[in-house]
Amino acid sequence: MISNKPIDCIQTIKRLSSRLEKFHEEYILLENYKKIIQPHFKENDNLIIVDNSEIIKPYSSKTEALVQVRDGSTGRLERGYWTTNMIRRFL
């Protein structure tokens, strides 16, 4: 019997996460993604992936250039650093 009761987002995350370690088709996934996005790029274009993140240092008090950052794991403001990672991938 199918229920029309809405599913909590956290339950969906737990279900998908528990099955993630059994997923071993990364290569197929990336190849399918490449086929989908490649028509939108010219032959000489590159794909640049930008990831903004943070490094939390809650116990560091004398480290240079610490700022308040939002800890993505807890949602709290902590002392730390902002980071930006960029990856260039040829299509």
PDB file of N, CA and C in Angstrom:
ATOM      1  N   MET A   1       0.836  -1.173   0.000  1.00  0.00           N
ATOM      2  CA  MET A   1       0.000   0.000   0.000  1.00  0.00           C
ATOM      3  C   MET A   1       0.883   1.239   0.000  1.00  0.00           C
ATOM      4  N   ILE A   2       0.607   2.152  -0.883  1.00  0.00           N
ATOM      5  CA  ILE A   2       1.385   3.380  -0.991  1.00  0.00           C
ATOM      6  C   ILE A   2       0.723   4.455  -0.143  1.00  0.00           C
ATOM      7  N   SER A   3       1.560   5.127   0.659  1.00  0.00           N
ATOM      8  CA  SER A   3       1.048   6.177   1.534  1.00  0.00           C
ATOM      9  C   SER A   3       1.286   7.553   0.900  1.00  0.00           C
ATOM     10  N   ASN A   4       0.345   8.446   1.083  1.00  0.00           N
ATOM     11  CA  ASN A   4       0.502   9.815   0.606  1.00  0.00           C
ATOM     12  C   ASN A   4       1.143  10.713   1.655  1.00  0.00           C
ATOM     13  N   LYS A   5       1.572  10.126   2.754  1.00  0.00           N
ATOM     14  CA  LYS A   5       2.188  10.871   3.837  1.00  0.00           C
ATOM     15  C   LYS A   5       3.572  11.372   3.400  1.00  0.00           C
ATOM     16  N   PRO A   6       3.867  12.672   3.587  1.00  0.00           N
ATOM     17  CA  PRO A   6       5.174  13.186   3.164  1.00  0.00           C
ATOM     18  C   PRO A   6       6.315  12.569   3.975  1.00  0.00           C
ATOM     19  N   ILE A   7       7.439  12.375   3.313  1.00  0.00           N
ATOM     20  CA  ILE A   7       8.617  11.794   3.953  1.00  0.00           C
ATOM     21  C   ILE A   7       9.543  12.922   4.392  1.00  0.00           C
ATOM     22  N   ASP A   8      10.023  12.844   5.636  1.00  0.00           N
ATOM     23  CA  ASP A   8      10.965  13.847   6.115  1.00  0.00           C
ATOM     24  C   ASP A   8      12.224  13.810   5.274  1.00  0.00           C
ATOM     25  N   CYS A   9      12.777  14.980   5.010  1.00  0.00           N
ATOM     26  CA  CYS A   9      13.997  15.103   4.222  1.00  0.00           C
ATOM     27  C   CYS A   9      15.141  14.305   4.853  1.00  0.00           C
ATOM     28  N   ILE A  10      15.250  14.341   6.158  1.00  0.00           N
ATOM     29  CA  ILE A  10      16.339  13.644   6.844  1.00  0.00           C
ATOM     30  C   ILE A  10      16.253  12.137   6.613  1.00  0.00           C
ATOM     31  N   GLN A  11      15.051  11.598   6.517  1.00  0.00           N
ATOM     32  CA  GLN A  11      14.886  10.162   6.253  1.00  0.00           C
ATOM     33  C   GLN A  11      15.373   9.805   4.842  1.00  0.00           C
ATOM     34  N   THR A  12      15.098  10.682   3.889  1.00  0.00           N
ATOM     35  CA  THR A  12      15.584  10.463   2.521  1.00  0.00           C
ATOM     36  C   THR A  12      17.101  10.513   2.487  1.00  0.00           C
ATOM     37  N   ILE A  13      17.696  11.473   3.188  1.00  0.00           N
ATOM     38  CA  ILE A  13      19.155  11.586   3.242  1.00  0.00           C
ATOM     39  C   ILE A  13      19.765  10.338   3.856  1.00  0.00           C
ATOM     40  N   LYS A  14      19.195   9.854   4.949  1.00  0.00           N
ATOM     41  CA  LYS A  14      19.706   8.642   5.596  1.00  0.00           C
ATOM     42  C   LYS A  14      19.602   7.433   4.667  1.00  0.00           C
ATOM     43  N   ARG A  15      18.483   7.306   3.978  1.00  0.00           N
ATOM     44  CA  ARG A  15      18.292   6.166   3.072  1.00  0.00           C
ATOM     45  C   ARG A  15      19.292   6.205   1.928  1.00  0.00           C
ATOM     46  N   LEU A  16      19.458   7.369   1.293  1.00  0.00           N
ATOM     47  CA  LEU A  16      20.396   7.472   0.179  1.00  0.00           C
ATOM     48  C   LEU A  16      21.840   7.312   0.647  1.00  0.00           C
ATOM     49  N   SER A  17      22.169   7.869   1.807  1.00  0.00           N
ATOM     50  CA  SER A  17      23.533   7.758   2.329  1.00  0.00           C
ATOM     51  C   SER A  17      23.892   6.321   2.658  1.00  0.00           C
ATOM     52  N   SER A  18      22.946   5.579   3.204  1.00  0.00           N
ATOM     53  CA  SER A  18      23.240   4.190   3.567  1.00  0.00           C
ATOM     54  C   SER A  18      23.501   3.339   2.332  1.00  0.00           C
ATOM     55  N   ARG A  19      22.943   3.718   1.211  1.00  0.00           N
ATOM     56  CA  ARG A  19      23.147   2.957  -0.024  1.00  0.00           C
ATOM     57  C   ARG A  19      24.345   3.462  -0.832  1.00  0.00           C
ATOM     58  N   LEU A  20      24.881   4.610  -0.466  1.00  0.00           N
ATOM     59  CA  LEU A  20      25.960   5.216  -1.231  1.00  0.00           C
ATOM     60  C   LEU A  20      27.227   4.373  -1.227  1.00  0.00           C
ATOM     61  N   GLU A  21      27.546   3.722  -0.117  1.00  0.00           N
ATOM     62  CA  GLU A  21      28.770   2.926  -0.064  1.00  0.00           C
ATOM     63  C   GLU A  21      28.689   1.685  -0.951  1.00  0.00           C
ATOM     64  N   LYS A  22      27.500   1.299  -1.362  1.00  0.00           N
ATOM     65  CA  LYS A  22      27.344   0.163  -2.264  1.00  0.00           C
ATOM     66  C   LYS A  22      27.409   0.577  -3.736  1.00  0.00           C
ATOM     67  N   PHE A  23      27.492   1.892  -3.985  1.00  0.00           N
ATOM     68  CA  PHE A  23      27.523   2.412  -5.354  1.00  0.00           C
ATOM     69  C   PHE A  23      28.956   2.388  -5.869  1.00  0.00           C
ATOM     70  N   HIS A  24      29.187   1.681  -6.978  1.00  0.00           N
ATOM     71  CA  HIS A  24      30.533   1.558  -7.533  1.00  0.00           C
ATOM     72  C   HIS A  24      30.571   1.861  -9.024  1.00  0.00           C
ATOM     73  N   GLU A  25      29.617   2.629  -9.511  1.00  0.00           N
ATOM     74  CA  GLU A  25      29.569   2.961 -10.934  1.00  0.00           C
ATOM     75  C   GLU A  25      29.934   4.420 -11.178  1.00  0.00           C
ATOM     76  N   GLU A  26      30.951   4.936 -10.452  1.00  0.00           N
ATOM     77  CA  GLU A  26      31.341   6.336 -10.589  1.00  0.00           C
ATOM     78  C   GLU A  26      31.730   6.675 -12.021  1.00  0.00           C
ATOM     79  N   TYR A  27      32.467   5.776 -12.673  1.00  0.00           N
ATOM     80  CA  TYR A  27      32.926   6.023 -14.033  1.00  0.00           C
ATOM     81  C   TYR A  27      31.736   6.198 -14.979  1.00  0.00           C
ATOM     82  N   ILE A  28      30.750   5.328 -14.870  1.00  0.00           N
ATOM     83  CA  ILE A  28      29.563   5.415 -15.723  1.00  0.00           C
ATOM     84  C   ILE A  28      28.814   6.712 -15.445  1.00  0.00           C
ATOM     85  N   LEU A  29      28.691   7.061 -14.178  1.00  0.00           N
ATOM     86  CA  LEU A  29      28.010   8.297 -13.795  1.00  0.00           C
ATOM     87  C   LEU A  29      28.691   9.510 -14.415  1.00  0.00           C
ATOM     88  N   LEU A  30      30.025   9.582 -14.328  1.00  0.00           N
ATOM     89  CA  LEU A  30      30.767  10.709 -14.896  1.00  0.00           C
ATOM     90  C   LEU A  30      30.680  10.742 -16.414  1.00  0.00           C
ATOM     91  N   GLU A  31      30.728   9.595 -17.052  1.00  0.00           N
ATOM     92  CA  GLU A  31      30.611   9.551 -18.511  1.00  0.00           C
ATOM     93  C   GLU A  31      29.218  10.014 -18.964  1.00  0.00           C
ATOM     94  N   ASN A  32      28.180   9.598 -18.263  1.00  0.00           N
ATOM     95  CA  ASN A  32      26.817  10.046 -18.593  1.00  0.00           C
ATOM     96  C   ASN A  32      26.673  11.551 -18.386  1.00  0.00           C
ATOM     97  N   TYR A  33      27.242  12.058 -17.310  1.00  0.00           N
ATOM     98  CA  TYR A  33      27.207  13.503 -17.035  1.00  0.00           C
ATOM     99  C   TYR A  33      27.921  14.258 -18.151  1.00  0.00           C
ATOM    100  N   LYS A  34      29.075  13.750 -18.563  1.00  0.00           N
ATOM    101  CA  LYS A  34      29.843  14.381 -19.635  1.00  0.00           C
ATOM    102  C   LYS A  34      29.029  14.440 -20.925  1.00  0.00           C
ATOM    103  N   LYS A  35      28.316  13.362 -21.263  1.00  0.00           N
ATOM    104  CA  LYS A  35      27.494  13.330 -22.473  1.00  0.00           C
ATOM    105  C   LYS A  35      26.374  14.363 -22.423  1.00  0.00           C
ATOM    106  N   ILE A  36      25.845  14.591 -21.221  1.00  0.00           N
ATOM    107  CA  ILE A  36      24.750  15.554 -21.072  1.00  0.00           C
ATOM    108  C   ILE A  36      25.235  16.985 -21.230  1.00  0.00           C
ATOM    109  N   ILE A  37      26.379  17.315 -20.616  1.00  0.00           N
ATOM    110  CA  ILE A  37      26.819  18.716 -20.622  1.00  0.00           C
ATOM    111  C   ILE A  37      27.677  19.089 -21.823  1.00  0.00           C
ATOM    112  N   GLN A  38      28.311  18.121 -22.479  1.00  0.00           N
ATOM    113  CA  GLN A  38      29.238  18.424 -23.563  1.00  0.00           C
ATOM    114  C   GLN A  38      28.605  19.217 -24.713  1.00  0.00           C
ATOM    115  N   PRO A  39      27.372  18.979 -25.104  1.00  0.00           N
ATOM    116  CA  PRO A  39      26.797  19.779 -26.198  1.00  0.00           C
ATOM    117  C   PRO A  39      26.692  21.276 -25.879  1.00  0.00           C
ATOM    118  N   HIS A  40      26.784  21.640 -24.627  1.00  0.00           N
ATOM    119  CA  HIS A  40      26.657  23.044 -24.234  1.00  0.00           C
ATOM    120  C   HIS A  40      27.994  23.781 -24.229  1.00  0.00           C
ATOM    121  N   PHE A  41      29.074  23.082 -24.560  1.00  0.00           N
ATOM    122  CA  PHE A  41      30.401  23.672 -24.565  1.00  0.00           C
ATOM    123  C   PHE A  41      30.992  23.620 -25.965  1.00  0.00           C
ATOM    124  N   LYS A  42      31.831  24.620 -26.259  1.00  0.00           N
ATOM    125  CA  LYS A  42      32.569  24.589 -27.517  1.00  0.00           C
ATOM    126  C   LYS A  42      33.706  23.596 -27.384  1.00  0.00           C
ATOM    127  N   GLU A  43      34.334  23.258 -28.505  1.00  0.00           N
ATOM    128  CA  GLU A  43      35.376  22.229 -28.501  1.00  0.00           C
ATOM    129  C   GLU A  43      36.538  22.576 -27.576  1.00  0.00           C
ATOM    130  N   ASN A  44      36.897  23.839 -27.474  1.00  0.00           N
ATOM    131  CA  ASN A  44      38.062  24.231 -26.675  1.00  0.00           C
ATOM    132  C   ASN A  44      37.714  24.684 -25.254  1.00  0.00           C
ATOM    133  N   ASP A  45      36.462  24.595 -24.875  1.00  0.00           N
ATOM    134  CA  ASP A  45      36.060  25.030 -23.536  1.00  0.00           C
ATOM    135  C   ASP A  45      36.552  24.056 -22.466  1.00  0.00           C
ATOM    136  N   ASN A  46      36.730  24.595 -21.286  1.00  0.00           N
ATOM    137  CA  ASN A  46      37.084  23.795 -20.115  1.00  0.00           C
ATOM    138  C   ASN A  46      35.963  23.903 -19.093  1.00  0.00           C
ATOM    139  N   LEU A  47      35.836  22.906 -18.275  1.00  0.00           N
ATOM    140  CA  LEU A  47      34.888  22.925 -17.174  1.00  0.00           C
ATOM    141  C   LEU A  47      35.668  23.278 -15.918  1.00  0.00           C
ATOM    142  N   ILE A  48      35.267  24.344 -15.232  1.00  0.00           N
ATOM    143  CA  ILE A  48      35.940  24.747 -13.998  1.00  0.00           C
ATOM    144  C   ILE A  48      34.946  24.597 -12.854  1.00  0.00           C
ATOM    145  N   ILE A  49      35.306  23.775 -11.891  1.00  0.00           N
ATOM    146  CA  ILE A  49      34.453  23.519 -10.737  1.00  0.00           C
ATOM    147  C   ILE A  49      35.000  24.325  -9.573  1.00  0.00           C
ATOM    148  N   VAL A  50      34.154  25.152  -8.953  1.00  0.00           N
ATOM    149  CA  VAL A  50      34.558  25.991  -7.823  1.00  0.00           C
ATOM    150  C   VAL A  50      33.808  25.524  -6.589  1.00  0.00           C
ATOM    151  N   ASP A  51      34.560  25.280  -5.501  1.00  0.00           N
ATOM    152  CA  ASP A  51      33.976  24.801  -4.254  1.00  0.00           C
ATOM    153  C   ASP A  51      34.414  25.718  -3.127  1.00  0.00           C
ATOM    154  N   ASN A  52      33.486  26.474  -2.580  1.00  0.00           N
ATOM    155  CA  ASN A  52      33.779  27.295  -1.401  1.00  0.00           C
ATOM    156  C   ASN A  52      33.493  26.463  -0.164  1.00  0.00           C
ATOM    157  N   SER A  53      34.418  26.472   0.766  1.00  0.00           N
ATOM    158  CA  SER A  53      34.271  25.667   1.964  1.00  0.00           C
ATOM    159  C   SER A  53      34.912  26.391   3.137  1.00  0.00           C
ATOM    160  N   GLU A  54      35.012  25.717   4.262  1.00  0.00           N
ATOM    161  CA  GLU A  54      35.627  26.306   5.445  1.00  0.00           C
ATOM    162  C   GLU A  54      36.458  25.265   6.166  1.00  0.00           C
ATOM    163  N   ILE A  55      37.437  25.752   6.895  1.00  0.00           N
ATOM    164  CA  ILE A  55      38.218  24.906   7.792  1.00  0.00           C
ATOM    165  C   ILE A  55      38.005  25.482   9.183  1.00  0.00           C
ATOM    166  N   ILE A  56      37.476  24.685  10.084  1.00  0.00           N
ATOM    167  CA  ILE A  56      37.152  25.133  11.429  1.00  0.00           C
ATOM    168  C   ILE A  56      38.342  24.890  12.356  1.00  0.00           C
ATOM    169  N   LYS A  57      38.695  25.921  13.114  1.00  0.00           N
ATOM    170  CA  LYS A  57      39.774  25.834  14.110  1.00  0.00           C
ATOM    171  C   LYS A  57      39.250  26.387  15.439  1.00  0.00           C
ATOM    172  N   PRO A  58      38.280  25.720  16.074  1.00  0.00           N
ATOM    173  CA  PRO A  58      37.636  26.290  17.263  1.00  0.00           C
ATOM    174  C   PRO A  58      38.578  26.431  18.461  1.00  0.00           C
ATOM    175  N   TYR A  59      39.652  25.665  18.504  1.00  0.00           N
ATOM    176  CA  TYR A  59      40.538  25.715  19.664  1.00  0.00           C
ATOM    177  C   TYR A  59      41.779  26.566  19.413  1.00  0.00           C
ATOM    178  N   SER A  60      41.915  27.142  18.230  1.00  0.00           N
ATOM    179  CA  SER A  60      43.053  28.011  17.931  1.00  0.00           C
ATOM    180  C   SER A  60      42.714  29.426  18.358  1.00  0.00           C
ATOM    181  N   SER A  61      43.567  30.000  19.177  1.00  0.00           N
ATOM    182  CA  SER A  61      43.303  31.371  19.622  1.00  0.00           C
ATOM    183  C   SER A  61      44.360  32.348  19.126  1.00  0.00           C
ATOM    184  N   LYS A  62      45.549  31.868  18.794  1.00  0.00           N
ATOM    185  CA  LYS A  62      46.622  32.765  18.383  1.00  0.00           C
ATOM    186  C   LYS A  62      47.020  32.575  16.920  1.00  0.00           C
ATOM    187  N   THR A  63      46.289  31.790  16.192  1.00  0.00           N
ATOM    188  CA  THR A  63      46.603  31.575  14.786  1.00  0.00           C
ATOM    189  C   THR A  63      46.249  32.820  13.986  1.00  0.00           C
ATOM    190  N   GLU A  64      47.132  33.195  13.071  1.00  0.00           N
ATOM    191  CA  GLU A  64      46.963  34.413  12.287  1.00  0.00           C
ATOM    192  C   GLU A  64      45.777  34.311  11.329  1.00  0.00           C
ATOM    193  N   ALA A  65      45.053  35.396  11.199  1.00  0.00           N
ATOM    194  CA  ALA A  65      43.997  35.599  10.199  1.00  0.00           C
ATOM    195  C   ALA A  65      42.751  34.733  10.399  1.00  0.00           C
ATOM    196  N   LEU A  66      42.473  34.279  11.615  1.00  0.00           N
ATOM    197  CA  LEU A  66      41.225  33.559  11.858  1.00  0.00           C
ATOM    198  C   LEU A  66      40.041  34.511  11.735  1.00  0.00           C
ATOM    199  N   VAL A  67      38.947  34.020  11.186  1.00  0.00           N
ATOM    200  CA  VAL A  67      37.718  34.811  11.076  1.00  0.00           C
ATOM    201  C   VAL A  67      36.546  33.941  11.518  1.00  0.00           C
ATOM    202  N   GLN A  68      35.398  34.551  11.676  1.00  0.00           N
ATOM    203  CA  GLN A  68      34.185  33.798  11.987  1.00  0.00           C
ATOM    204  C   GLN A  68      33.668  33.162  10.709  1.00  0.00           C
ATOM    205  N   VAL A  69      33.493  31.859  10.713  1.00  0.00           N
ATOM    206  CA  VAL A  69      32.930  31.144   9.565  1.00  0.00           C
ATOM    207  C   VAL A  69      31.784  30.272  10.051  1.00  0.00           C
ATOM    208  N   ARG A  70      30.894  29.959   9.149  1.00  0.00           N
ATOM    209  CA  ARG A  70      29.778  29.087   9.502  1.00  0.00           C
ATOM    210  C   ARG A  70      30.213  27.645   9.280  1.00  0.00           C
ATOM    211  N   ASP A  71      30.182  26.869  10.335  1.00  0.00           N
ATOM    212  CA  ASP A  71      30.531  25.451  10.262  1.00  0.00           C
ATOM    213  C   ASP A  71      29.403  24.726   9.532  1.00  0.00           C
ATOM    214  N   GLY A  72      29.709  24.196   8.356  1.00  0.00           N
ATOM    215  CA  GLY A  72      28.700  23.516   7.551  1.00  0.00           C
ATOM    216  C   GLY A  72      28.147  22.266   8.209  1.00  0.00           C
ATOM    217  N   SER A  73      28.895  21.673   9.115  1.00  0.00           N
ATOM    218  CA  SER A  73      28.437  20.457   9.791  1.00  0.00           C
ATOM    219  C   SER A  73      27.439  20.738  10.899  1.00  0.00           C
ATOM    220  N   THR A  74      27.667  21.829  11.632  1.00  0.00           N
ATOM    221  CA  THR A  74      26.813  22.119  12.785  1.00  0.00           C
ATOM    222  C   THR A  74      25.915  23.328  12.587  1.00  0.00           C
ATOM    223  N   GLY A  75      26.271  24.219  11.649  1.00  0.00           N
ATOM    224  CA  GLY A  75      25.510  25.444  11.435  1.00  0.00           C
ATOM    225  C   GLY A  75      25.897  26.564  12.389  1.00  0.00           C
ATOM    226  N   ARG A  76      26.833  26.289  13.303  1.00  0.00           N
ATOM    227  CA  ARG A  76      27.260  27.309  14.266  1.00  0.00           C
ATOM    228  C   ARG A  76      28.391  28.148  13.692  1.00  0.00           C
ATOM    229  N   LEU A  77      28.541  29.356  14.230  1.00  0.00           N
ATOM    230  CA  LEU A  77      29.682  30.192  13.870  1.00  0.00           C
ATOM    231  C   LEU A  77      30.874  29.784  14.712  1.00  0.00           C
ATOM    232  N   GLU A  78      32.016  29.582  14.075  1.00  0.00           N
ATOM    233  CA  GLU A  78      33.239  29.145  14.742  1.00  0.00           C
ATOM    234  C   GLU A  78      34.412  29.943  14.186  1.00  0.00           C
ATOM    235  N   ARG A  79      35.541  29.864  14.865  1.00  0.00           N
ATOM    236  CA  ARG A  79      36.765  30.438  14.328  1.00  0.00           C
ATOM    237  C   ARG A  79      37.310  29.496  13.268  1.00  0.00           C
ATOM    238  N   GLY A  80      37.794  30.082  12.166  1.00  0.00           N
ATOM    239  CA  GLY A  80      38.347  29.246  11.115  1.00  0.00           C
ATOM    240  C   GLY A  80      38.748  30.053   9.906  1.00  0.00           C
ATOM    241  N   TYR A  81      38.852  29.378   8.774  1.00  0.00           N
ATOM    242  CA  TYR A  81      39.270  29.985   7.517  1.00  0.00           C
ATOM    243  C   TYR A  81      38.289  29.621   6.421  1.00  0.00           C
ATOM    244  N   TRP A  82      38.075  30.553   5.477  1.00  0.00           N
ATOM    245  CA  TRP A  82      37.352  30.239   4.260  1.00  0.00           C
ATOM    246  C   TRP A  82      38.347  29.659   3.269  1.00  0.00           C
ATOM    247  N   THR A  83      37.934  28.691   2.488  1.00  0.00           N
ATOM    248  CA  THR A  83      38.781  28.125   1.441  1.00  0.00           C
ATOM    249  C   THR A  83      38.003  28.118   0.127  1.00  0.00           C
ATOM    250  N   THR A  84      38.718  28.212  -0.961  1.00  0.00           N
ATOM    251  CA  THR A  84      38.129  28.070  -2.283  1.00  0.00           C
ATOM    252  C   THR A  84      38.995  27.110  -3.076  1.00  0.00           C
ATOM    253  N   ASN A  85      38.399  26.050  -3.544  1.00  0.00           N
ATOM    254  CA  ASN A  85      39.106  25.056  -4.355  1.00  0.00           C
ATOM    255  C   ASN A  85      38.576  25.135  -5.769  1.00  0.00           C
ATOM    256  N   MET A  86      39.477  25.082  -6.737  1.00  0.00           N
ATOM    257  CA  MET A  86      39.088  25.108  -8.152  1.00  0.00           C
ATOM    258  C   MET A  86      39.748  23.940  -8.866  1.00  0.00           C
ATOM    259  N   ILE A  87      38.961  23.261  -9.686  1.00  0.00           N
ATOM    260  CA  ILE A  87      39.458  22.147 -10.470  1.00  0.00           C
ATOM    261  C   ILE A  87      39.145  22.434 -11.929  1.00  0.00           C
ATOM    262  N   ARG A  88      40.135  22.339 -12.770  1.00  0.00           N
ATOM    263  CA  ARG A  88      39.923  22.521 -14.210  1.00  0.00           C
ATOM    264  C   ARG A  88      39.900  21.145 -14.850  1.00  0.00           C
ATOM    265  N   ARG A  89      38.866  20.912 -15.598  1.00  0.00           N
ATOM    266  CA  ARG A  89      38.724  19.608 -16.248  1.00  0.00           C
ATOM    267  C   ARG A  89      38.468  19.843 -17.728  1.00  0.00           C
ATOM    268  N   PHE A  90      39.219  19.173 -18.550  1.00  0.00           N
ATOM    269  CA  PHE A  90      39.030  19.272 -19.987  1.00  0.00           C
ATOM    270  C   PHE A  90      37.894  18.348 -20.411  1.00  0.00           C
ATOM    271  N   LEU A  91      37.064  18.825 -21.292  1.00  0.00           N
ATOM    272  CA  LEU A  91      35.934  18.000 -21.750  1.00  0.00           C
ATOM    273  C   LEU A  91      36.299  17.134 -22.907  1.00  0.00           C
TER     274      LEU A  91
END
